[in-house]
Amino acid sequence: MEACAYWAKKLNPAAAAVLTIALLLTGAGCAKDEKPPVIQQVDMPERVVEDVNVKLTVRTADDRGAEEVYVQFDSIDKILLTKTDSQKNGEEISNWAASFRLSPKDYSYSIVAEDKAGNKSDPKEGKITVYSKDSLYGYTQGKGIDTYLSQIVSLEKNGIVDANGRAFIDLVAKYPKAGELVPGTYAELLLLPDLSLEKYLKIDERDLKAAEKIIKLASDPKYTSAFLNIDSVGIKAGRKYGALWEALLWEAYDDKNLSDFLEPYSMEKLVKDAWTNTSTSSNYSKDRWGDYNEVVTRLSFPEGAYWYLRDNMGFVPDPSKTKYPEELFDKKYGGCDDYSLFITHCLFMSGYGIDKFEKTPEIGYPDYNFEPNEDNAVCTLFFWKGINWAHFIPLVKKNNQIYVFDATPFENSNRGPFKSIRDVLDANPGWTSAFIRGNQPYKCIGVVLSEYTKTRLKNKDYRDKAKELLKMSHFFVYGTAEDNTWILEYFDNYDK
């Protein structure tokens, strides 16, 4: 009787009473309307500038027609929409519209349709941001760079660039091709410490001149392949910014011919020259290399961490405890275990995963329940050569291939790629076993043995001697037995 109640409200009390009695006596009645209206479509922008009308359109469907549609904002009275047209085809399809302005802020809203019986639709919820005319977003209006608005808005919201970056927006409008050929060009540049508000209060003329040199080249299809390579170094989702974009910016600050680094493209040439032969770095002597966390952030790719160690650290084997990365950074010398842990740590902090790389019955693990990564993973190998010599090397897995980044004087010229850790072991003649380590220096997460060692372990005397040597290693002297006792048990399996 909801519909009857609706008509009763439209009549005076006496007429309503007569209508109700007549309906009861005749057995007739109003059909009950229990089906609520449905909001089929909502069109409203996610962002606008304060002096621009918000245009909202809604389409509804209802068996008897929706009576009203409104949008409810937090802390604002609801705004009614006007029905613009409708058509009946089994059910009534109606279109509604409203146009209004909002003051600058972030809003949450809910849109509801209601029919004559008071049934309400499920609400359609969303958010809209209204920017001031003085905002960076406001400055972008009418410049033909709508494709990049989401990036610009994100950078502005995250405090990476503010209204002082308007001149940079002019560069985007001047060179739109760069973002088409190399998606993310503008965002990557604005993430760099030299251009980011995390370090500086504004982008100055020197910054703009250097940025324009890069953007202009990125607009040229001749260099697209080189720029895509620059952008792909490291893990984009894990790194704070692209170190090669930074290297290119440092070269641009010195007004160097950037095309020399792009055609032919050489990552090593670009990075080494930027780090050793630019005024911004000056062979690692500037303050950009004095802060540990800043350096770890920059070393977001294995080659970079490797080159940094080769250029900055003295190799001094130390039989005492492994230096943690910050200690190595401060002392500027260390052994192979320190080097390996430093590289592993830098990559781990930039999105690489710690992994055992392989899942085969031939390799010992304390926990066999894992799925190896095919890409972007790191670990360290602790090699044994006979019983008197050991060595640590870092491994990186990319595209299901394993590469060695040993920055010590004992580096094997064969850096890969390898298909398996066992192949790495076999590529170093004389190595008998390798213990896999993650970013915890005294915890072993896997063991790889040569065929020679597997055979020898079947001999109890050899096995006992190997176990005694293990107990004198870092894993037991500085580690915890509960983490590493499984290795001894694994060795004992060769007696079965």
Protein backbone atom coordinates (compact mmCIF):
# COMPACT_ATOMS: atom_id res chain seq x y z
CA MET A 1 0.00 0.00 0.00
CA GLU A 2 3.02 2.33 -0.23
CA ALA A 3 1.75 3.84 -3.51
CA CYS A 4 -1.68 4.37 -1.86
CA ALA A 5 0.04 6.13 0.97
CA TYR A 6 1.72 8.39 -1.59
CA TRP A 7 -1.65 9.41 -3.11
CA ALA A 8 -3.17 9.77 0.32
CA LYS A 9 -0.58 12.42 1.09
CA LYS A 10 -1.55 14.30 -2.08
CA LEU A 11 -5.30 14.44 -1.12
CA ASN A 12 -7.05 16.30 1.67
CA PRO A 13 -7.94 14.19 4.74
CA ALA A 14 -11.64 13.71 3.81
CA ALA A 15 -10.89 12.63 0.24
CA ALA A 16 -8.12 10.34 1.46
CA ALA A 17 -10.53 8.63 3.87
CA VAL A 18 -13.15 8.13 1.12
CA LEU A 19 -10.49 6.68 -1.21
CA THR A 20 -9.24 4.26 1.43
CA ILE A 21 -12.79 3.01 2.33
CA ALA A 22 -13.68 2.58 -1.35
CA LEU A 23 -10.60 0.53 -1.99
CA LEU A 24 -11.23 -1.69 1.01
CA LEU A 25 -14.91 -2.30 0.09
CA THR A 26 -14.18 -3.11 -3.56
CA GLY A 27 -11.22 -5.35 -2.73
CA ALA A 28 -9.16 -3.27 -5.11
CA GLY A 29 -5.94 -1.68 -4.04
CA CYS A 30 -2.72 -0.13 -5.11
CA ALA A 31 -0.12 -2.63 -6.28
CA LYS A 32 2.70 -2.80 -3.81
CA ASP A 33 5.93 -1.28 -5.11
CA GLU A 34 8.72 -3.23 -3.45
CA LYS A 35 11.40 -2.94 -6.14
CA PRO A 36 13.80 -0.04 -5.51
CA PRO A 37 15.22 2.01 -8.37
CA VAL A 38 18.62 1.16 -9.80
CA ILE A 39 21.36 3.66 -10.64
CA GLN A 40 22.76 2.40 -13.92
CA GLN A 41 25.37 5.03 -14.67
CA VAL A 42 27.08 7.99 -13.02
CA ASP A 43 29.32 10.51 -14.76
CA MET A 44 31.16 12.97 -12.56
CA PRO A 45 34.79 14.17 -12.80
CA GLU A 46 37.36 13.07 -10.21
CA ARG A 47 38.93 16.51 -10.11
CA VAL A 48 38.01 20.09 -11.06
CA VAL A 49 39.22 23.62 -10.43
CA GLU A 50 37.18 25.74 -8.02
CA ASP A 51 35.80 28.16 -10.62
CA VAL A 52 34.57 25.37 -12.92
CA ASN A 53 31.11 23.84 -12.59
CA VAL A 54 30.94 20.20 -11.51
CA LYS A 55 28.73 18.49 -14.10
CA LEU A 56 26.96 15.40 -12.82
CA THR A 57 24.74 13.09 -14.86
CA VAL A 58 22.93 9.97 -13.64
CA ARG A 59 20.83 7.33 -15.38
CA THR A 60 18.23 5.38 -13.38
CA ALA A 61 15.90 2.47 -14.02
CA ASP A 62 12.69 1.72 -12.10
CA ASP A 63 9.47 -0.18 -12.82
CA ARG A 64 7.37 2.90 -11.98
CA GLY A 65 9.94 5.66 -12.36
CA ALA A 66 12.26 7.28 -9.85
CA GLU A 67 10.79 10.23 -8.00
CA GLU A 68 14.06 12.01 -7.18
CA VAL A 69 17.85 11.64 -7.40
CA TYR A 70 20.27 13.50 -5.19
CA VAL A 71 23.96 13.67 -4.33
CA GLN A 72 25.00 13.95 -0.70
CA PHE A 73 28.43 15.37 0.13
CA ASP A 74 29.98 15.21 3.56
CA SER A 75 29.15 18.40 5.49
CA ILE A 76 27.00 19.81 2.63
CA ASP A 77 23.23 19.70 2.16
CA LYS A 78 22.13 17.25 -0.50
CA ILE A 79 21.89 18.54 -4.05
CA LEU A 80 18.87 17.47 -6.11
CA LEU A 81 19.27 16.51 -9.75
CA THR A 82 16.80 17.47 -12.47
CA LYS A 83 15.21 14.85 -14.71
CA THR A 84 16.18 15.70 -18.29
CA ASP A 85 14.34 12.92 -20.14
CA SER A 86 12.85 9.46 -19.70
CA GLN A 87 11.44 6.62 -21.74
CA LYS A 88 9.23 3.66 -20.87
CA ASN A 89 10.05 0.21 -22.17
CA GLY A 90 8.94 -2.28 -19.55
CA GLU A 91 10.57 -0.05 -16.97
CA GLU A 92 11.22 3.64 -16.93
CA ILE A 93 14.75 4.74 -17.88
CA SER A 94 15.43 8.31 -16.78
CA ASN A 95 18.37 10.69 -17.17
CA TRP A 96 19.19 13.24 -14.50
CA ALA A 97 21.62 16.15 -14.36
CA ALA A 98 22.99 18.80 -12.06
CA SER A 99 25.66 21.49 -12.30
CA PHE A 100 27.19 23.14 -9.26
CA ARG A 101 30.39 24.52 -7.79
CA LEU A 102 32.36 23.44 -4.74
CA SER A 103 35.05 25.12 -2.68
CA PRO A 104 38.59 23.64 -2.80
CA LYS A 105 39.01 20.42 -0.79
CA ASP A 106 38.69 16.64 -1.04
CA TYR A 107 35.09 15.38 -0.97
CA SER A 108 33.41 12.03 -0.54
CA TYR A 109 29.90 11.71 -1.92
CA SER A 110 26.98 9.33 -2.19
CA ILE A 111 24.35 9.40 -4.97
CA VAL A 112 20.88 7.96 -4.22
CA ALA A 113 17.70 7.49 -6.26
CA GLU A 114 14.30 7.27 -4.56
CA ASP A 115 10.93 6.19 -6.00
CA LYS A 116 7.39 7.31 -5.17
CA ALA A 117 6.98 4.60 -2.54
CA GLY A 118 10.07 5.75 -0.70
CA ASN A 119 12.27 2.86 -1.85
CA LYS A 120 15.90 3.90 -2.15
CA SER A 121 18.54 2.58 -4.51
CA ASP A 122 21.88 1.25 -3.41
CA PRO A 123 24.11 4.33 -3.11
CA LYS A 124 26.81 5.04 -5.65
CA GLU A 125 29.81 6.40 -3.77
CA GLY A 126 32.87 8.24 -4.99
CA LYS A 127 35.38 11.00 -4.38
CA ILE A 128 36.17 14.30 -6.05
CA THR A 129 38.98 16.79 -5.45
CA VAL A 130 38.40 20.47 -6.05
CA TYR A 131 41.64 22.41 -6.60
CA SER A 132 42.24 26.08 -6.07
CA LYS A 133 42.96 28.27 -9.08
CA ASP A 134 46.50 28.77 -7.76
CA SER A 135 47.29 25.05 -7.61
CA LEU A 136 49.59 23.23 -10.03
CA TYR A 137 46.55 21.36 -11.35
CA GLY A 138 44.80 24.65 -11.99
CA TYR A 139 47.83 25.83 -13.94
CA THR A 140 47.64 22.82 -16.26
CA GLN A 141 44.17 23.69 -17.53
CA GLY A 142 44.03 24.49 -21.23
CA LYS A 143 47.62 23.48 -21.91
CA GLY A 144 46.78 20.31 -23.84
CA ILE A 145 48.46 17.93 -21.39
CA ASP A 146 45.43 16.10 -20.07
CA THR A 147 47.23 12.77 -20.69
CA TYR A 148 49.64 13.56 -17.85
CA LEU A 149 47.22 15.10 -15.37
CA SER A 150 47.04 12.01 -13.15
CA GLN A 151 50.85 11.98 -12.82
CA ILE A 152 50.97 15.69 -12.08
CA VAL A 153 48.18 15.43 -9.51
CA SER A 154 49.94 12.52 -7.81
CA LEU A 155 53.21 14.41 -7.62
CA GLU A 156 51.45 17.49 -6.26
CA LYS A 157 49.49 15.53 -3.64
CA ASN A 158 52.61 13.71 -2.47
CA GLY A 159 54.47 16.98 -2.02
CA ILE A 160 57.03 16.19 -4.72
CA VAL A 161 56.29 19.34 -6.67
CA ASP A 162 54.19 22.41 -5.91
CA ALA A 163 53.14 25.57 -7.71
CA ASN A 164 56.81 26.51 -8.05
CA GLY A 165 56.96 23.77 -10.66
CA ARG A 166 54.78 25.68 -13.12
CA ALA A 167 57.70 26.23 -15.45
CA PHE A 168 58.20 22.47 -15.54
CA ILE A 169 54.55 22.09 -16.60
CA ASP A 170 55.34 24.45 -19.46
CA LEU A 171 58.05 21.99 -20.54
CA VAL A 172 55.51 19.18 -20.54
CA ALA A 173 53.25 21.26 -22.77
CA LYS A 174 56.19 22.18 -25.02
CA TYR A 175 57.41 18.58 -25.48
CA PRO A 176 54.33 16.31 -25.27
CA LYS A 177 56.02 13.66 -27.43
CA ALA A 178 58.46 12.69 -24.65
CA GLY A 179 55.71 11.28 -22.47
CA GLU A 180 54.23 9.38 -25.40
CA LEU A 181 57.50 7.74 -26.46
CA VAL A 182 58.81 7.13 -22.92
CA PRO A 183 55.83 6.95 -20.53
CA GLY A 184 56.63 8.38 -17.13
CA THR A 185 59.42 10.71 -18.33
CA TYR A 186 58.10 13.74 -16.46
CA ALA A 187 57.23 11.86 -13.29
CA GLU A 188 60.66 10.17 -13.19
CA LEU A 189 62.45 13.50 -13.51
CA LEU A 190 60.39 15.06 -10.75
CA LEU A 191 61.20 12.14 -8.44
CA LEU A 192 64.92 12.95 -8.58
CA PRO A 193 66.37 14.49 -5.40
CA ASP A 194 67.68 17.51 -7.34
CA LEU A 195 64.18 18.35 -8.62
CA SER A 196 62.13 17.09 -5.69
CA LEU A 197 60.78 19.18 -2.85
CA GLU A 198 62.19 16.57 -0.50
CA LYS A 199 65.56 18.27 -1.03
CA TYR A 200 64.90 21.72 -2.44
CA LEU A 201 62.20 24.36 -2.16
CA LYS A 202 61.77 24.98 -5.86
CA ILE A 203 62.93 24.07 -9.35
CA ASP A 204 65.31 26.83 -10.44
CA GLU A 205 66.52 27.95 -13.87
CA ARG A 206 69.50 25.58 -13.80
CA ASP A 207 67.16 22.66 -13.14
CA LEU A 208 64.81 23.69 -15.93
CA LYS A 209 67.62 24.07 -18.45
CA ALA A 210 68.97 20.60 -17.63
CA ALA A 211 65.51 19.03 -17.60
CA GLU A 212 64.69 20.55 -20.99
CA LYS A 213 67.84 19.04 -22.52
CA ILE A 214 66.67 15.59 -21.38
CA ILE A 215 63.02 16.03 -22.35
CA LYS A 216 63.96 17.35 -25.78
CA LEU A 217 66.03 14.22 -26.49
CA ALA A 218 63.30 11.97 -25.07
CA SER A 219 60.98 13.51 -27.69
CA ASP A 220 63.21 12.21 -30.48
CA PRO A 221 62.32 8.65 -31.61
CA LYS A 222 66.01 8.10 -32.38
CA TYR A 223 66.71 7.89 -28.64
CA THR A 224 63.58 6.09 -27.49
CA SER A 225 65.31 2.72 -27.05
CA ALA A 226 68.05 4.28 -24.90
CA PHE A 227 65.53 6.10 -22.69
CA LEU A 228 63.44 2.96 -22.23
CA ASN A 229 66.60 1.16 -21.11
CA ILE A 230 67.38 3.97 -18.68
CA ASP A 231 63.88 3.80 -17.26
CA SER A 232 63.94 0.01 -16.82
CA VAL A 233 67.08 -0.24 -14.69
CA GLY A 234 66.27 -1.64 -11.25
CA ILE A 235 62.73 -2.26 -10.07
CA LYS A 236 60.45 0.71 -10.75
CA ALA A 237 57.94 -0.35 -8.11
CA GLY A 238 60.68 -0.74 -5.49
CA ARG A 239 63.15 2.04 -6.19
CA LYS A 240 62.62 5.53 -4.85
CA TYR A 241 63.79 7.05 -8.13
CA GLY A 242 65.71 6.02 -11.23
CA ALA A 243 69.47 6.32 -10.69
CA LEU A 244 70.19 6.54 -14.42
CA TRP A 245 67.73 9.43 -14.83
CA GLU A 246 69.74 11.14 -12.07
CA ALA A 247 73.03 10.36 -13.84
CA LEU A 248 71.67 11.92 -17.04
CA LEU A 249 70.57 15.02 -15.11
CA TRP A 250 74.04 15.42 -13.59
CA GLU A 251 75.53 15.29 -17.09
CA ALA A 252 72.99 17.88 -18.27
CA TYR A 253 73.92 20.23 -15.42
CA ASP A 254 77.45 20.34 -16.88
CA ASP A 255 76.04 21.05 -20.35
CA LYS A 256 77.56 17.88 -21.78
CA ASN A 257 76.42 16.41 -25.08
CA LEU A 258 73.87 13.89 -23.78
CA SER A 259 73.54 12.16 -27.13
CA ASP A 260 77.07 10.80 -26.61
CA PHE A 261 75.66 8.63 -23.81
CA LEU A 262 72.52 7.64 -25.68
CA GLU A 263 73.82 6.64 -29.10
CA PRO A 264 75.25 4.12 -28.76
CA TYR A 265 73.73 3.63 -25.33
CA SER A 266 76.02 2.40 -22.57
CA MET A 267 74.81 2.16 -18.99
CA GLU A 268 78.38 1.81 -17.71
CA LYS A 269 79.63 4.83 -19.64
CA LEU A 270 76.76 7.02 -18.42
CA VAL A 271 76.89 6.00 -14.77
CA LYS A 272 80.66 5.99 -14.34
CA ASP A 273 81.05 9.38 -16.02
CA ALA A 274 78.21 10.92 -14.00
CA TRP A 275 79.58 9.58 -10.72
CA THR A 276 83.25 10.41 -11.33
CA ASN A 277 83.36 13.22 -13.87
CA THR A 278 80.58 15.73 -13.16
CA SER A 279 80.55 18.79 -10.90
CA THR A 280 77.55 17.41 -9.00
CA SER A 281 79.43 14.25 -7.94
CA SER A 282 83.12 15.07 -8.52
CA ASN A 283 84.40 11.50 -8.14
CA TYR A 284 82.19 10.74 -5.13
CA SER A 285 83.54 13.73 -3.19
CA LYS A 286 80.34 15.78 -2.94
CA ASP A 287 77.88 15.60 -0.05
CA ARG A 288 75.50 13.44 -2.13
CA TRP A 289 77.80 10.55 -1.28
CA GLY A 290 78.13 11.35 2.41
CA ASP A 291 74.77 10.15 3.64
CA TYR A 292 74.41 6.37 4.01
CA ASN A 293 70.67 6.20 3.31
CA GLU A 294 70.95 8.46 0.26
CA VAL A 295 73.71 6.27 -1.18
CA VAL A 296 71.78 3.04 -0.56
CA THR A 297 68.78 4.59 -2.33
CA ARG A 298 70.96 5.52 -5.32
CA LEU A 299 72.45 2.02 -5.55
CA SER A 300 69.13 0.52 -6.60
CA PHE A 301 70.58 -1.68 -9.34
CA PRO A 302 73.28 -4.39 -9.10
CA GLU A 303 75.75 -2.81 -11.51
CA GLY A 304 75.64 0.45 -9.56
CA ALA A 305 76.31 -1.22 -6.21
CA TYR A 306 79.15 -3.20 -7.81
CA TRP A 307 80.80 -0.11 -9.35
CA TYR A 308 80.42 1.85 -6.12
CA LEU A 309 82.25 -0.84 -4.13
CA ARG A 310 85.04 -1.12 -6.69
CA ASP A 311 85.56 2.65 -6.67
CA ASN A 312 85.17 3.41 -2.96
CA MET A 313 86.09 0.44 -0.76
CA GLY A 314 89.43 -1.02 0.19
CA PHE A 315 89.51 -4.81 0.21
CA VAL A 316 90.80 -5.89 3.62
CA PRO A 317 89.89 -9.47 4.61
CA ASP A 318 88.76 -9.53 8.20
CA PRO A 319 88.22 -12.85 9.98
CA SER A 320 86.13 -11.19 12.67
CA LYS A 321 82.40 -10.55 12.47
CA THR A 322 80.78 -9.39 9.24
CA LYS A 323 80.43 -5.63 8.95
CA TYR A 324 76.85 -4.57 8.50
CA PRO A 325 76.34 -2.30 5.47
CA GLU A 326 76.41 1.00 7.36
CA GLU A 327 79.65 0.01 9.12
CA LEU A 328 81.28 -0.83 5.79
CA PHE A 329 80.06 2.50 4.41
CA ASP A 330 81.64 4.37 7.32
CA LYS A 331 84.96 2.48 7.45
CA LYS A 332 85.42 2.21 3.67
CA TYR A 333 87.12 -1.18 3.89
CA GLY A 334 86.02 -4.75 4.36
CA GLY A 335 86.19 -8.34 3.19
CA CYS A 336 84.20 -10.39 0.71
CA ASP A 337 81.42 -11.13 3.22
CA ASP A 338 81.01 -7.38 3.89
CA TYR A 339 80.92 -6.58 0.16
CA SER A 340 78.31 -9.26 -0.50
CA LEU A 341 76.07 -8.19 2.34
CA PHE A 342 76.28 -4.54 1.22
CA ILE A 343 75.17 -5.33 -2.34
CA THR A 344 72.43 -7.66 -1.12
CA HIS A 345 71.17 -4.99 1.29
CA CYS A 346 71.10 -2.19 -1.32
CA LEU A 347 69.07 -4.30 -3.74
CA PHE A 348 66.78 -5.64 -1.03
CA MET A 349 65.97 -2.03 -0.01
CA SER A 350 65.04 -1.22 -3.62
CA GLY A 351 62.52 -3.98 -4.16
CA TYR A 352 64.56 -7.10 -4.88
CA GLY A 353 63.53 -10.24 -3.04
CA ILE A 354 65.76 -12.49 -0.95
CA ASP A 355 65.57 -15.91 -2.55
CA LYS A 356 67.08 -19.39 -2.75
CA PHE A 357 66.55 -19.26 -6.54
CA GLU A 358 65.91 -22.96 -7.01
CA LYS A 359 63.63 -25.72 -5.82
CA THR A 360 65.19 -29.08 -6.62
CA PRO A 361 65.79 -32.24 -4.54
CA GLU A 362 69.52 -31.90 -5.19
CA ILE A 363 69.79 -28.77 -3.05
CA GLY A 364 69.36 -28.71 0.71
CA TYR A 365 67.01 -26.25 2.36
CA PRO A 366 65.71 -25.94 5.91
CA ASP A 367 62.23 -25.29 4.55
CA TYR A 368 61.28 -26.73 1.20
CA ASN A 369 57.93 -24.96 1.06
CA PHE A 370 58.74 -22.00 -1.14
CA GLU A 371 58.30 -20.90 -4.71
CA PRO A 372 61.47 -19.46 -6.28
CA ASN A 373 61.38 -16.10 -8.00
CA GLU A 374 62.12 -15.99 -11.71
CA ASP A 375 63.13 -12.36 -11.61
CA ASN A 376 64.53 -9.59 -9.41
CA ALA A 377 65.93 -11.67 -6.55
CA VAL A 378 69.24 -11.70 -4.67
CA CYS A 379 71.26 -13.90 -2.35
CA THR A 380 74.85 -14.50 -1.27
CA LEU A 381 76.94 -17.64 -1.71
CA PHE A 382 79.51 -18.66 0.90
CA PHE A 383 81.98 -20.84 -1.00
CA TRP A 384 84.31 -23.45 0.42
CA LYS A 385 87.48 -24.37 -1.39
CA GLY A 386 89.01 -27.42 0.24
CA ILE A 387 89.13 -26.88 3.99
CA ASN A 388 91.30 -23.78 4.33
CA TRP A 389 89.76 -21.15 2.10
CA ALA A 390 86.33 -19.58 1.75
CA HIS A 391 84.80 -16.73 -0.25
CA PHE A 392 81.50 -14.82 -0.42
CA ILE A 393 79.87 -13.68 -3.67
CA PRO A 394 76.51 -11.93 -4.31
CA LEU A 395 74.10 -13.34 -6.89
CA VAL A 396 71.29 -11.57 -8.74
CA LYS A 397 68.54 -13.35 -10.62
CA LYS A 398 66.97 -11.58 -13.61
CA ASN A 399 64.74 -13.11 -16.28
CA ASN A 400 65.38 -16.54 -14.79
CA GLN A 401 69.15 -16.11 -15.28
CA ILE A 402 71.73 -15.82 -12.49
CA TYR A 403 74.53 -13.25 -12.52
CA VAL A 404 77.53 -12.80 -10.18
CA PHE A 405 78.50 -9.33 -8.90
CA ASP A 406 81.72 -10.02 -7.03
CA ALA A 407 83.46 -6.65 -6.49
CA THR A 408 86.54 -8.16 -4.77
CA PRO A 409 89.98 -8.76 -6.32
CA PHE A 410 89.12 -12.48 -6.46
CA GLU A 411 86.37 -11.91 -9.01
CA ASN A 412 85.95 -14.63 -11.62
CA SER A 413 85.73 -13.09 -15.09
CA ASN A 414 82.81 -15.44 -15.81
CA ARG A 415 79.95 -13.40 -14.31
CA GLY A 416 77.19 -15.32 -16.06
CA PRO A 417 74.49 -15.72 -16.95
CA PHE A 418 74.06 -19.10 -15.24
CA LYS A 419 71.00 -21.31 -15.21
CA SER A 420 71.46 -22.54 -11.64
CA ILE A 421 73.50 -22.02 -8.49
CA ARG A 422 75.13 -25.35 -9.17
CA ASP A 423 76.39 -23.92 -12.48
CA VAL A 424 77.91 -21.02 -10.53
CA LEU A 425 79.67 -23.52 -8.27
CA ASP A 426 80.95 -25.55 -11.21
CA ALA A 427 82.26 -22.40 -12.93
CA ASN A 428 84.75 -21.94 -10.08
CA PRO A 429 87.15 -24.91 -10.19
CA GLY A 430 88.11 -26.21 -6.80
CA TRP A 431 85.00 -24.98 -5.00
CA THR A 432 83.42 -27.88 -3.16
CA SER A 433 80.29 -26.42 -1.58
CA ALA A 434 78.26 -23.23 -1.33
CA PHE A 435 76.01 -21.98 1.45
CA ILE A 436 73.19 -19.62 0.49
CA ARG A 437 72.73 -16.52 2.64
CA GLY A 438 70.10 -13.79 2.47
CA ASN A 439 70.34 -10.34 4.07
CA GLN A 440 71.00 -11.86 7.49
CA PRO A 441 74.76 -12.60 7.56
CA TYR A 442 74.70 -15.52 9.98
CA LYS A 443 71.68 -17.46 8.77
CA CYS A 444 72.06 -20.13 6.09
CA ILE A 445 69.01 -20.63 3.88
CA GLY A 446 70.37 -23.29 1.52
CA VAL A 447 73.28 -25.57 0.63
CA VAL A 448 74.65 -26.52 -2.81
CA LEU A 449 77.28 -29.28 -3.06
CA SER A 450 79.59 -30.41 -5.85
CA GLU A 451 79.40 -34.02 -6.95
CA TYR A 452 82.86 -34.52 -5.45
CA THR A 453 81.68 -33.27 -2.04
CA LYS A 454 78.51 -35.38 -2.13
CA THR A 455 80.66 -38.47 -2.67
CA ARG A 456 83.12 -37.53 0.07
CA LEU A 457 80.34 -36.86 2.60
CA LYS A 458 79.47 -40.55 2.50
CA ASN A 459 82.77 -41.10 4.33
CA LYS A 460 82.20 -40.60 8.07
CA ASP A 461 85.66 -39.18 8.77
CA TYR A 462 85.32 -36.59 6.03
CA ARG A 463 81.77 -35.78 7.10
CA ASP A 464 82.78 -35.27 10.74
CA LYS A 465 85.65 -33.01 9.68
CA ALA A 466 83.32 -30.98 7.47
CA LYS A 467 80.86 -30.59 10.33
CA GLU A 468 83.60 -29.43 12.69
CA LEU A 469 84.70 -26.83 10.15
CA LEU A 470 81.09 -25.66 9.82
CA LYS A 471 80.86 -25.17 13.56
CA MET A 472 83.83 -22.80 13.31
CA SER A 473 82.21 -20.78 10.51
CA HIS A 474 80.27 -17.52 10.83
CA PHE A 475 77.04 -19.48 10.82
CA PHE A 476 77.77 -21.05 14.19
CA VAL A 477 80.32 -18.71 15.81
CA TYR A 478 78.12 -15.63 15.38
CA GLY A 479 74.82 -17.18 14.32
CA THR A 480 72.40 -19.29 16.29
CA ALA A 481 72.40 -23.06 16.32
CA GLU A 482 68.63 -23.18 15.91
CA ASP A 483 68.97 -21.37 12.57
CA ASN A 484 71.76 -23.52 11.19
CA THR A 485 71.75 -26.95 12.88
CA TRP A 486 69.78 -28.23 9.90
CA ILE A 487 73.00 -28.06 7.82
CA LEU A 488 74.69 -30.65 10.06
CA GLU A 489 71.63 -32.86 9.81
CA TYR A 490 71.69 -32.43 6.03
CA PHE A 491 75.31 -33.61 5.93
CA ASP A 492 74.41 -36.64 8.02
CA ASN A 493 71.85 -37.68 5.38
CA TYR A 494 74.75 -38.77 3.19
CA ASP A 495 75.40 -41.64 5.62
CA LYS A 496 71.99 -43.14 4.83
